[in-house]
Amino acid sequence: MHKQIASEIEKKGIIKIDNFLDINEIKKISKIIKYYSAPKNTPESYFPTNFKAMGLKILNLNFIKFFHSLEILKISKKKKLEDLANEFFKNKSELRFIDAYYSKISIKDVLPWHTDQAYSGEKYVNNFNDPDKFYLKIFIYLTDVEPDDGCMSYIPGSHKIGYAIRSAVYKKHIKYQPYWSIRDFKQIIIDNKEYFTNYFNNSEIINNFLKEADLLENMANKEKYGYSAKAGSAIVFDEGGVHKGSRPRSKDRMVLRYLYSPSNKIK
């Protein structure tokens, strides 16, 4: 099963897994997330990634957080998420990050179309990251979500272009320029089109992406790449692809996330 999932992510950059959690797991994790009702990127939304870090919760007499963290780590163990990440990276992986957050109804998009590992669009960057050091992200939805109502969107196959850009910049085959946003991502391809055409030995993958990027940038065709997911479903993806987060327009949203990356240890 993990091999098939990893193969699909390697090919398209993303996969949706229905019924990833059963009804009892959904209830248990939903109760934990509701307890904190923590927005994304706030201290209460983060959970320890290992038992050593959990021990610090006991030392600090934070017993509630300890037991909640234990339940969240149990999910990662039960679903064998590390095995999935190992299969995807073809190497030993590590759980680097866990958060569980609660997003209230909003009319504002969470994030526009973008790619990760792109220095947040900084204009000047001196040190570049190893292109092979990136995250496999596992989003588990605890509420029903739709393409324009709390779920994410992703351009299949764009992770391959994202990797090509990161690699070319890291190896100094092309000059760095911002590529975080879809507009800049498209522009770095246009400015180095010959290089990327040679890299893929195929102009079709580049031309098709540029055509779709034009449509998305102008807000057309956006539904084509949106996902719907029932509570308990998971979306697993390579963060190097072009993706976006949508607003929770009609109802509050709850998400549990696990982020894995290659380990520094040899498998």
C-alpha atoms as a PDB file:
ATOM      1  CA  MET A   1       0.000   0.000   0.000  1.00  0.00           C
ATOM      2  CA  HIS A   2       2.731   2.485   0.967  1.00  0.00           C
ATOM      3  CA  LYS A   3       4.604   1.681  -2.220  1.00  0.00           C
ATOM      4  CA  GLN A   4       1.547   2.469  -4.351  1.00  0.00           C
ATOM      5  CA  ILE A   5       0.872   5.713  -2.468  1.00  0.00           C
ATOM      6  CA  ALA A   6       4.501   6.818  -2.732  1.00  0.00           C
ATOM      7  CA  SER A   7       4.520   5.978  -6.440  1.00  0.00           C
ATOM      8  CA  GLU A   8       1.439   8.131  -7.035  1.00  0.00           C
ATOM      9  CA  ILE A   9       2.995  11.071  -5.156  1.00  0.00           C
ATOM     10  CA  GLU A  10       6.234  10.653  -7.092  1.00  0.00           C
ATOM     11  CA  LYS A  11       4.247  10.793 -10.332  1.00  0.00           C
ATOM     12  CA  LYS A  12       1.706  13.543  -9.589  1.00  0.00           C
ATOM     13  CA  GLY A  13       3.063  15.177  -6.451  1.00  0.00           C
ATOM     14  CA  ILE A  14      -0.141  14.533  -4.490  1.00  0.00           C
ATOM     15  CA  ILE A  15      -2.664  11.894  -3.458  1.00  0.00           C
ATOM     16  CA  LYS A  16      -5.959  11.951  -1.553  1.00  0.00           C
ATOM     17  CA  ILE A  17      -6.726   9.033   0.758  1.00  0.00           C
ATOM     18  CA  ASP A  18     -10.363   8.652   1.785  1.00  0.00           C
ATOM     19  CA  ASN A  19     -11.293   7.236   5.204  1.00  0.00           C
ATOM     20  CA  PHE A  20      -7.752   7.623   6.485  1.00  0.00           C
ATOM     21  CA  LEU A  21      -9.144   7.908  10.021  1.00  0.00           C
ATOM     22  CA  ASP A  22     -12.069   5.876  11.341  1.00  0.00           C
ATOM     23  CA  ILE A  23     -14.981   7.472  13.164  1.00  0.00           C
ATOM     24  CA  ASN A  24     -13.498   6.915  16.635  1.00  0.00           C
ATOM     25  CA  GLU A  25     -10.169   8.436  15.604  1.00  0.00           C
ATOM     26  CA  ILE A  26     -11.981  11.413  14.099  1.00  0.00           C
ATOM     27  CA  LYS A  27     -13.886  12.013  17.331  1.00  0.00           C
ATOM     28  CA  LYS A  28     -10.793  11.680  19.499  1.00  0.00           C
ATOM     29  CA  ILE A  29      -8.575  14.011  17.452  1.00  0.00           C
ATOM     30  CA  SER A  30     -11.401  16.501  16.862  1.00  0.00           C
ATOM     31  CA  LYS A  31     -11.904  16.767  20.612  1.00  0.00           C
ATOM     32  CA  ILE A  32      -8.203  17.557  21.081  1.00  0.00           C
ATOM     33  CA  ILE A  33      -8.169  20.227  18.367  1.00  0.00           C
ATOM     34  CA  LYS A  34     -11.344  21.813  19.720  1.00  0.00           C
ATOM     35  CA  TYR A  35      -9.859  21.859  23.219  1.00  0.00           C
ATOM     36  CA  TYR A  36      -7.151  24.304  22.082  1.00  0.00           C
ATOM     37  CA  SER A  37      -9.047  25.926  19.190  1.00  0.00           C
ATOM     38  CA  ALA A  38      -5.609  27.199  18.192  1.00  0.00           C
ATOM     39  CA  PRO A  39      -5.168  29.095  14.921  1.00  0.00           C
ATOM     40  CA  LYS A  40      -2.381  27.999  12.582  1.00  0.00           C
ATOM     41  CA  ASN A  41       1.168  29.025  13.539  1.00  0.00           C
ATOM     42  CA  THR A  42       0.375  29.729  17.184  1.00  0.00           C
ATOM     43  CA  PRO A  43       2.187  28.067  20.128  1.00  0.00           C
ATOM     44  CA  GLU A  44      -0.813  25.974  21.174  1.00  0.00           C
ATOM     45  CA  SER A  45      -1.132  24.478  17.668  1.00  0.00           C
ATOM     46  CA  TYR A  46       2.239  22.684  17.858  1.00  0.00           C
ATOM     47  CA  PHE A  47       2.803  19.205  19.264  1.00  0.00           C
ATOM     48  CA  PRO A  48       6.062  17.340  20.085  1.00  0.00           C
ATOM     49  CA  THR A  49       7.374  14.968  17.423  1.00  0.00           C
ATOM     50  CA  ASN A  50       8.947  12.405  19.756  1.00  0.00           C
ATOM     51  CA  PHE A  51       8.638  10.937  23.243  1.00  0.00           C
ATOM     52  CA  LYS A  52      11.673  12.818  24.567  1.00  0.00           C
ATOM     53  CA  ALA A  53      10.002  16.131  23.791  1.00  0.00           C
ATOM     54  CA  MET A  54       6.814  14.813  25.367  1.00  0.00           C
ATOM     55  CA  GLY A  55       8.741  14.137  28.577  1.00  0.00           C
ATOM     56  CA  LEU A  56       9.376  17.857  28.886  1.00  0.00           C
ATOM     57  CA  LYS A  57       5.626  18.372  29.116  1.00  0.00           C
ATOM     58  CA  ILE A  58       5.614  16.232  32.265  1.00  0.00           C
ATOM     59  CA  LEU A  59       8.565  18.142  33.704  1.00  0.00           C
ATOM     60  CA  ASN A  60       6.598  21.322  33.110  1.00  0.00           C
ATOM     61  CA  LEU A  61       3.525  19.700  34.697  1.00  0.00           C
ATOM     62  CA  ASN A  62       1.590  20.089  31.461  1.00  0.00           C
ATOM     63  CA  PHE A  63      -0.181  16.750  31.791  1.00  0.00           C
ATOM     64  CA  ILE A  64      -3.096  17.570  29.488  1.00  0.00           C
ATOM     65  CA  LYS A  65      -0.776  18.481  26.608  1.00  0.00           C
ATOM     66  CA  PHE A  66       1.243  15.338  27.325  1.00  0.00           C
ATOM     67  CA  PHE A  67      -1.743  13.009  26.926  1.00  0.00           C
ATOM     68  CA  HIS A  68      -3.026  14.891  23.902  1.00  0.00           C
ATOM     69  CA  SER A  69       0.429  14.647  22.296  1.00  0.00           C
ATOM     70  CA  LEU A  70       0.466  10.918  23.034  1.00  0.00           C
ATOM     71  CA  GLU A  71      -2.784  10.432  21.107  1.00  0.00           C
ATOM     72  CA  ILE A  72      -1.500  12.417  18.145  1.00  0.00           C
ATOM     73  CA  LEU A  73       1.762  10.468  18.047  1.00  0.00           C
ATOM     74  CA  LYS A  74      -0.228   7.235  18.244  1.00  0.00           C
ATOM     75  CA  ILE A  75      -1.939   8.173  14.987  1.00  0.00           C
ATOM     76  CA  SER A  76       1.404   8.585  13.199  1.00  0.00           C
ATOM     77  CA  LYS A  77       2.569   5.208  14.527  1.00  0.00           C
ATOM     78  CA  LYS A  78      -0.690   3.392  13.810  1.00  0.00           C
ATOM     79  CA  LYS A  79      -0.858   4.689  10.234  1.00  0.00           C
ATOM     80  CA  LYS A  80       2.863   3.955   9.722  1.00  0.00           C
ATOM     81  CA  LEU A  81       3.498   7.434   8.364  1.00  0.00           C
ATOM     82  CA  GLU A  82       7.253   7.095   8.744  1.00  0.00           C
ATOM     83  CA  ASP A  83       7.203   3.980   6.559  1.00  0.00           C
ATOM     84  CA  LEU A  84       5.295   5.942   3.916  1.00  0.00           C
ATOM     85  CA  ALA A  85       7.820   8.803   4.079  1.00  0.00           C
ATOM     86  CA  ASN A  86      10.736   6.332   3.896  1.00  0.00           C
ATOM     87  CA  GLU A  87       9.209   4.818   0.771  1.00  0.00           C
ATOM     88  CA  PHE A  88       8.669   8.216  -0.808  1.00  0.00           C
ATOM     89  CA  PHE A  89      12.150   9.576  -0.090  1.00  0.00           C
ATOM     90  CA  LYS A  90      13.803   6.211  -0.798  1.00  0.00           C
ATOM     91  CA  ASN A  91      15.740   6.925   2.363  1.00  0.00           C
ATOM     92  CA  LYS A  92      15.352   7.097   6.124  1.00  0.00           C
ATOM     93  CA  SER A  93      12.994   9.916   7.077  1.00  0.00           C
ATOM     94  CA  GLU A  94      12.150  11.797  10.253  1.00  0.00           C
ATOM     95  CA  LEU A  95       9.013  13.405  11.605  1.00  0.00           C
ATOM     96  CA  ARG A  96      10.036  17.056  11.849  1.00  0.00           C
ATOM     97  CA  PHE A  97       6.841  18.861  12.634  1.00  0.00           C
ATOM     98  CA  ILE A  98       3.303  18.295  13.932  1.00  0.00           C
ATOM     99  CA  ASP A  99       0.547  20.825  14.305  1.00  0.00           C
ATOM    100  CA  ALA A 100      -3.211  20.706  14.729  1.00  0.00           C
ATOM    101  CA  TYR A 101      -5.114  23.889  14.102  1.00  0.00           C
ATOM    102  CA  TYR A 102      -8.579  25.357  14.070  1.00  0.00           C
ATOM    103  CA  SER A 103      -9.500  27.879  11.375  1.00  0.00           C
ATOM    104  CA  LYS A 104     -12.630  29.938  11.846  1.00  0.00           C
ATOM    105  CA  ILE A 105     -14.914  30.914   8.972  1.00  0.00           C
ATOM    106  CA  SER A 106     -13.201  33.483   6.785  1.00  0.00           C
ATOM    107  CA  ILE A 107     -13.604  35.123   3.382  1.00  0.00           C
ATOM    108  CA  LYS A 108      -9.839  35.498   2.985  1.00  0.00           C
ATOM    109  CA  ASP A 109      -7.770  32.817   1.234  1.00  0.00           C
ATOM    110  CA  VAL A 110      -5.294  31.069   3.518  1.00  0.00           C
ATOM    111  CA  LEU A 111      -2.479  31.171   0.939  1.00  0.00           C
ATOM    112  CA  PRO A 112      -2.327  32.094  -2.765  1.00  0.00           C
ATOM    113  CA  TRP A 113      -0.789  29.818  -5.389  1.00  0.00           C
ATOM    114  CA  HIS A 114       2.835  29.212  -4.368  1.00  0.00           C
ATOM    115  CA  THR A 115       5.604  26.649  -3.930  1.00  0.00           C
ATOM    116  CA  ASP A 116       7.517  25.862  -0.733  1.00  0.00           C
ATOM    117  CA  GLN A 117      11.291  25.772  -0.229  1.00  0.00           C
ATOM    118  CA  ALA A 118      11.408  29.009  -2.232  1.00  0.00           C
ATOM    119  CA  TYR A 119      12.729  31.393   0.433  1.00  0.00           C
ATOM    120  CA  SER A 120       9.288  33.014   0.840  1.00  0.00           C
ATOM    121  CA  GLY A 121       9.901  35.055  -2.294  1.00  0.00           C
ATOM    122  CA  GLU A 122      12.908  36.926  -0.898  1.00  0.00           C
ATOM    123  CA  LYS A 123      14.586  39.022  -3.559  1.00  0.00           C
ATOM    124  CA  TYR A 124      18.142  38.406  -2.323  1.00  0.00           C
ATOM    125  CA  VAL A 125      19.305  35.024  -1.000  1.00  0.00           C
ATOM    126  CA  ASN A 126      22.913  34.124  -0.207  1.00  0.00           C
ATOM    127  CA  ASN A 127      22.706  30.502   0.942  1.00  0.00           C
ATOM    128  CA  PHE A 128      20.635  27.980  -0.965  1.00  0.00           C
ATOM    129  CA  ASN A 129      19.092  24.820   0.458  1.00  0.00           C
ATOM    130  CA  ASP A 130      19.884  21.332  -0.757  1.00  0.00           C
ATOM    131  CA  PRO A 131      17.022  20.589  -3.217  1.00  0.00           C
ATOM    132  CA  ASP A 132      16.644  17.098  -1.719  1.00  0.00           C
ATOM    133  CA  LYS A 133      15.868  18.517   1.727  1.00  0.00           C
ATOM    134  CA  PHE A 134      12.148  19.169   1.569  1.00  0.00           C
ATOM    135  CA  TYR A 135       8.943  18.048   3.253  1.00  0.00           C
ATOM    136  CA  LEU A 136       6.398  15.390   2.499  1.00  0.00           C
ATOM    137  CA  LYS A 137       3.281  16.955   4.006  1.00  0.00           C
ATOM    138  CA  ILE A 138       0.352  14.957   5.350  1.00  0.00           C
ATOM    139  CA  PHE A 139      -2.851  16.931   5.896  1.00  0.00           C
ATOM    140  CA  ILE A 140      -5.643  15.116   7.744  1.00  0.00           C
ATOM    141  CA  TYR A 141      -8.969  16.935   7.627  1.00  0.00           C
ATOM    142  CA  LEU A 142     -11.279  16.621  10.615  1.00  0.00           C
ATOM    143  CA  THR A 143     -14.084  18.528   8.892  1.00  0.00           C
ATOM    144  CA  ASP A 144     -15.591  18.225   5.408  1.00  0.00           C
ATOM    145  CA  VAL A 145     -13.856  20.577   2.960  1.00  0.00           C
ATOM    146  CA  GLU A 146     -14.382  21.641  -0.656  1.00  0.00           C
ATOM    147  CA  PRO A 147     -12.118  23.225  -3.335  1.00  0.00           C
ATOM    148  CA  ASP A 148     -13.111  26.771  -2.403  1.00  0.00           C
ATOM    149  CA  ASP A 149     -14.175  26.029   1.140  1.00  0.00           C
ATOM    150  CA  GLY A 150     -11.224  24.982   3.267  1.00  0.00           C
ATOM    151  CA  CYS A 151      -9.408  22.448   1.112  1.00  0.00           C
ATOM    152  CA  MET A 152      -6.209  22.793  -0.845  1.00  0.00           C
ATOM    153  CA  SER A 153      -5.540  22.926  -4.566  1.00  0.00           C
ATOM    154  CA  TYR A 154      -2.496  21.501  -6.355  1.00  0.00           C
ATOM    155  CA  ILE A 155      -1.185  21.412  -9.920  1.00  0.00           C
ATOM    156  CA  PRO A 156      -0.270  17.740 -10.557  1.00  0.00           C
ATOM    157  CA  GLY A 157       3.252  17.250 -11.849  1.00  0.00           C
ATOM    158  CA  SER A 158       4.395  20.761 -10.881  1.00  0.00           C
ATOM    159  CA  HIS A 159       6.561  19.261  -8.115  1.00  0.00           C
ATOM    160  CA  LYS A 160       8.937  18.037 -10.824  1.00  0.00           C
ATOM    161  CA  ILE A 161       9.369  21.574 -12.114  1.00  0.00           C
ATOM    162  CA  GLY A 162       9.747  22.846  -8.548  1.00  0.00           C
ATOM    163  CA  TYR A 163      12.559  20.369  -7.945  1.00  0.00           C
ATOM    164  CA  ALA A 164      14.222  21.321 -11.243  1.00  0.00           C
ATOM    165  CA  ILE A 165      14.203  24.995 -10.203  1.00  0.00           C
ATOM    166  CA  ARG A 166      15.587  24.294  -6.709  1.00  0.00           C
ATOM    167  CA  SER A 167      18.288  22.053  -8.135  1.00  0.00           C
ATOM    168  CA  ALA A 168      19.305  24.500 -10.874  1.00  0.00           C
ATOM    169  CA  VAL A 169      19.563  27.382  -8.404  1.00  0.00           C
ATOM    170  CA  TYR A 170      21.477  25.273  -5.846  1.00  0.00           C
ATOM    171  CA  LYS A 171      23.970  24.040  -8.463  1.00  0.00           C
ATOM    172  CA  LYS A 172      24.228  27.539  -9.955  1.00  0.00           C
ATOM    173  CA  HIS A 173      23.068  26.364 -13.360  1.00  0.00           C
ATOM    174  CA  ILE A 174      20.740  29.356 -13.417  1.00  0.00           C
ATOM    175  CA  LYS A 175      20.749  32.637 -11.546  1.00  0.00           C
ATOM    176  CA  TYR A 176      18.465  32.921  -8.549  1.00  0.00           C
ATOM    177  CA  GLN A 177      15.362  35.043  -8.804  1.00  0.00           C
ATOM    178  CA  PRO A 178      12.222  34.826  -6.635  1.00  0.00           C
ATOM    179  CA  TYR A 179       9.945  31.889  -7.488  1.00  0.00           C
ATOM    180  CA  TRP A 180       7.619  31.505  -4.475  1.00  0.00           C
ATOM    181  CA  SER A 181       4.452  32.894  -6.090  1.00  0.00           C
ATOM    182  CA  ILE A 182       2.914  31.348  -9.202  1.00  0.00           C
ATOM    183  CA  ARG A 183       3.760  34.508 -11.147  1.00  0.00           C
ATOM    184  CA  ASP A 184       7.440  34.364 -10.164  1.00  0.00           C
ATOM    185  CA  PHE A 185       7.517  30.575 -10.576  1.00  0.00           C
ATOM    186  CA  LYS A 186       6.301  31.037 -14.132  1.00  0.00           C
ATOM    187  CA  GLN A 187       8.754  33.862 -14.786  1.00  0.00           C
ATOM    188  CA  ILE A 188      11.857  31.927 -13.736  1.00  0.00           C
ATOM    189  CA  ILE A 189      10.809  29.186 -16.184  1.00  0.00           C
ATOM    190  CA  ILE A 190      10.277  31.703 -18.998  1.00  0.00           C
ATOM    191  CA  ASP A 191      13.617  33.386 -18.313  1.00  0.00           C
ATOM    192  CA  ASN A 192      15.411  30.021 -18.411  1.00  0.00           C
ATOM    193  CA  LYS A 193      13.165  28.131 -20.794  1.00  0.00           C
ATOM    194  CA  GLU A 194      15.971  26.621 -22.828  1.00  0.00           C
ATOM    195  CA  TYR A 195      17.610  25.232 -19.703  1.00  0.00           C
ATOM    196  CA  PHE A 196      14.407  23.605 -18.418  1.00  0.00           C
ATOM    197  CA  THR A 197      13.465  22.271 -21.841  1.00  0.00           C
ATOM    198  CA  ASN A 198      16.855  20.554 -21.985  1.00  0.00           C
ATOM    199  CA  TYR A 199      16.515  19.398 -18.351  1.00  0.00           C
ATOM    200  CA  PHE A 200      13.287  17.543 -19.131  1.00  0.00           C
ATOM    201  CA  ASN A 201      14.335  16.778 -22.705  1.00  0.00           C
ATOM    202  CA  ASN A 202      10.777  17.778 -23.520  1.00  0.00           C
ATOM    203  CA  SER A 203       9.188  21.168 -24.103  1.00  0.00           C
ATOM    204  CA  GLU A 204       5.633  19.879 -23.579  1.00  0.00           C
ATOM    205  CA  ILE A 205       5.813  19.698 -19.773  1.00  0.00           C
ATOM    206  CA  ILE A 206       7.014  23.316 -19.670  1.00  0.00           C
ATOM    207  CA  ASN A 207       4.535  24.670 -22.216  1.00  0.00           C
ATOM    208  CA  ASN A 208       1.577  22.909 -20.598  1.00  0.00           C
ATOM    209  CA  PHE A 209       2.465  24.266 -17.178  1.00  0.00           C
ATOM    210  CA  LEU A 210       2.892  27.817 -18.471  1.00  0.00           C
ATOM    211  CA  LYS A 211      -0.508  27.648 -20.160  1.00  0.00           C
ATOM    212  CA  GLU A 212      -2.225  26.462 -16.973  1.00  0.00           C
ATOM    213  CA  ALA A 213      -0.319  29.010 -14.855  1.00  0.00           C
ATOM    214  CA  ASP A 214      -1.622  31.807 -17.097  1.00  0.00           C
ATOM    215  CA  LEU A 215      -5.190  30.649 -16.514  1.00  0.00           C
ATOM    216  CA  LEU A 216      -4.766  30.290 -12.765  1.00  0.00           C
ATOM    217  CA  GLU A 217      -3.055  33.635 -12.432  1.00  0.00           C
ATOM    218  CA  ASN A 218      -6.112  35.195 -14.065  1.00  0.00           C
ATOM    219  CA  MET A 219      -8.462  33.256 -11.736  1.00  0.00           C
ATOM    220  CA  ALA A 220      -9.743  31.034 -14.547  1.00  0.00           C
ATOM    221  CA  ASN A 221      -9.772  27.230 -14.400  1.00  0.00           C
ATOM    222  CA  LYS A 222      -9.022  27.265 -10.665  1.00  0.00           C
ATOM    223  CA  GLU A 223     -11.624  24.598  -9.831  1.00  0.00           C
ATOM    224  CA  LYS A 224      -9.784  22.082 -12.019  1.00  0.00           C
ATOM    225  CA  TYR A 225      -7.096  21.589  -9.396  1.00  0.00           C
ATOM    226  CA  GLY A 226      -9.199  21.835  -6.230  1.00  0.00           C
ATOM    227  CA  TYR A 227      -9.870  18.900  -3.917  1.00  0.00           C
ATOM    228  CA  SER A 228     -12.868  17.863  -1.870  1.00  0.00           C
ATOM    229  CA  ALA A 229     -12.383  15.762   1.238  1.00  0.00           C
ATOM    230  CA  LYS A 230     -14.654  14.282   3.875  1.00  0.00           C
ATOM    231  CA  ALA A 231     -13.711  14.410   7.555  1.00  0.00           C
ATOM    232  CA  GLY A 232     -11.097  11.726   8.177  1.00  0.00           C
ATOM    233  CA  SER A 233      -9.561  12.008   4.702  1.00  0.00           C
ATOM    234  CA  ALA A 234      -5.877  12.739   4.160  1.00  0.00           C
ATOM    235  CA  ILE A 235      -4.062  14.623   1.430  1.00  0.00           C
ATOM    236  CA  VAL A 236      -0.369  13.777   1.123  1.00  0.00           C
ATOM    237  CA  PHE A 237       1.835  15.880  -1.113  1.00  0.00           C
ATOM    238  CA  ASP A 238       5.293  16.985  -2.149  1.00  0.00           C
ATOM    239  CA  GLU A 239       5.563  20.606  -1.002  1.00  0.00           C
ATOM    240  CA  GLY A 240       7.616  21.551  -4.075  1.00  0.00           C
ATOM    241  CA  GLY A 241       4.535  21.534  -6.300  1.00  0.00           C
ATOM    242  CA  VAL A 242       2.478  24.663  -6.933  1.00  0.00           C
ATOM    243  CA  HIS A 243      -0.440  24.695  -4.497  1.00  0.00           C
ATOM    244  CA  LYS A 244      -2.727  26.956  -2.507  1.00  0.00           C
ATOM    245  CA  GLY A 245      -4.904  26.912   0.592  1.00  0.00           C
ATOM    246  CA  SER A 246      -8.519  28.048   0.352  1.00  0.00           C
ATOM    247  CA  ARG A 247     -10.645  29.933   2.844  1.00  0.00           C
ATOM    248  CA  PRO A 248     -12.989  28.069   5.206  1.00  0.00           C
ATOM    249  CA  ARG A 249     -15.873  30.009   3.711  1.00  0.00           C
ATOM    250  CA  SER A 250     -18.946  28.262   5.134  1.00  0.00           C
ATOM    251  CA  LYS A 251     -17.753  26.455   8.270  1.00  0.00           C
ATOM    252  CA  ASP A 252     -14.855  26.230  10.696  1.00  0.00           C
ATOM    253  CA  ARG A 253     -12.032  23.902   9.648  1.00  0.00           C
ATOM    254  CA  MET A 254      -9.857  21.530  11.663  1.00  0.00           C
ATOM    255  CA  VAL A 255      -6.615  20.069  10.324  1.00  0.00           C
ATOM    256  CA  LEU A 256      -3.932  17.770  11.712  1.00  0.00           C
ATOM    257  CA  ARG A 257      -0.563  17.916   9.915  1.00  0.00           C
ATOM    258  CA  TYR A 258       2.551  15.762   9.950  1.00  0.00           C
ATOM    259  CA  LEU A 259       5.677  16.883   8.063  1.00  0.00           C
ATOM    260  CA  TYR A 260       8.458  14.447   7.205  1.00  0.00           C
ATOM    261  CA  SER A 261      11.831  15.077   5.588  1.00  0.00           C
ATOM    262  CA  PRO A 262      14.900  12.941   4.855  1.00  0.00           C
ATOM    263  CA  SER A 263      16.901  12.034   7.920  1.00  0.00           C
ATOM    264  CA  ASN A 264      20.542  12.934   8.385  1.00  0.00           C
ATOM    265  CA  LYS A 265      21.039   9.285   9.281  1.00  0.00           C
ATOM    266  CA  ILE A 266      21.789   6.655   6.658  1.00  0.00           C
ATOM    267  CA  LYS A 267      18.990   4.165   6.098  1.00  0.00           C
END
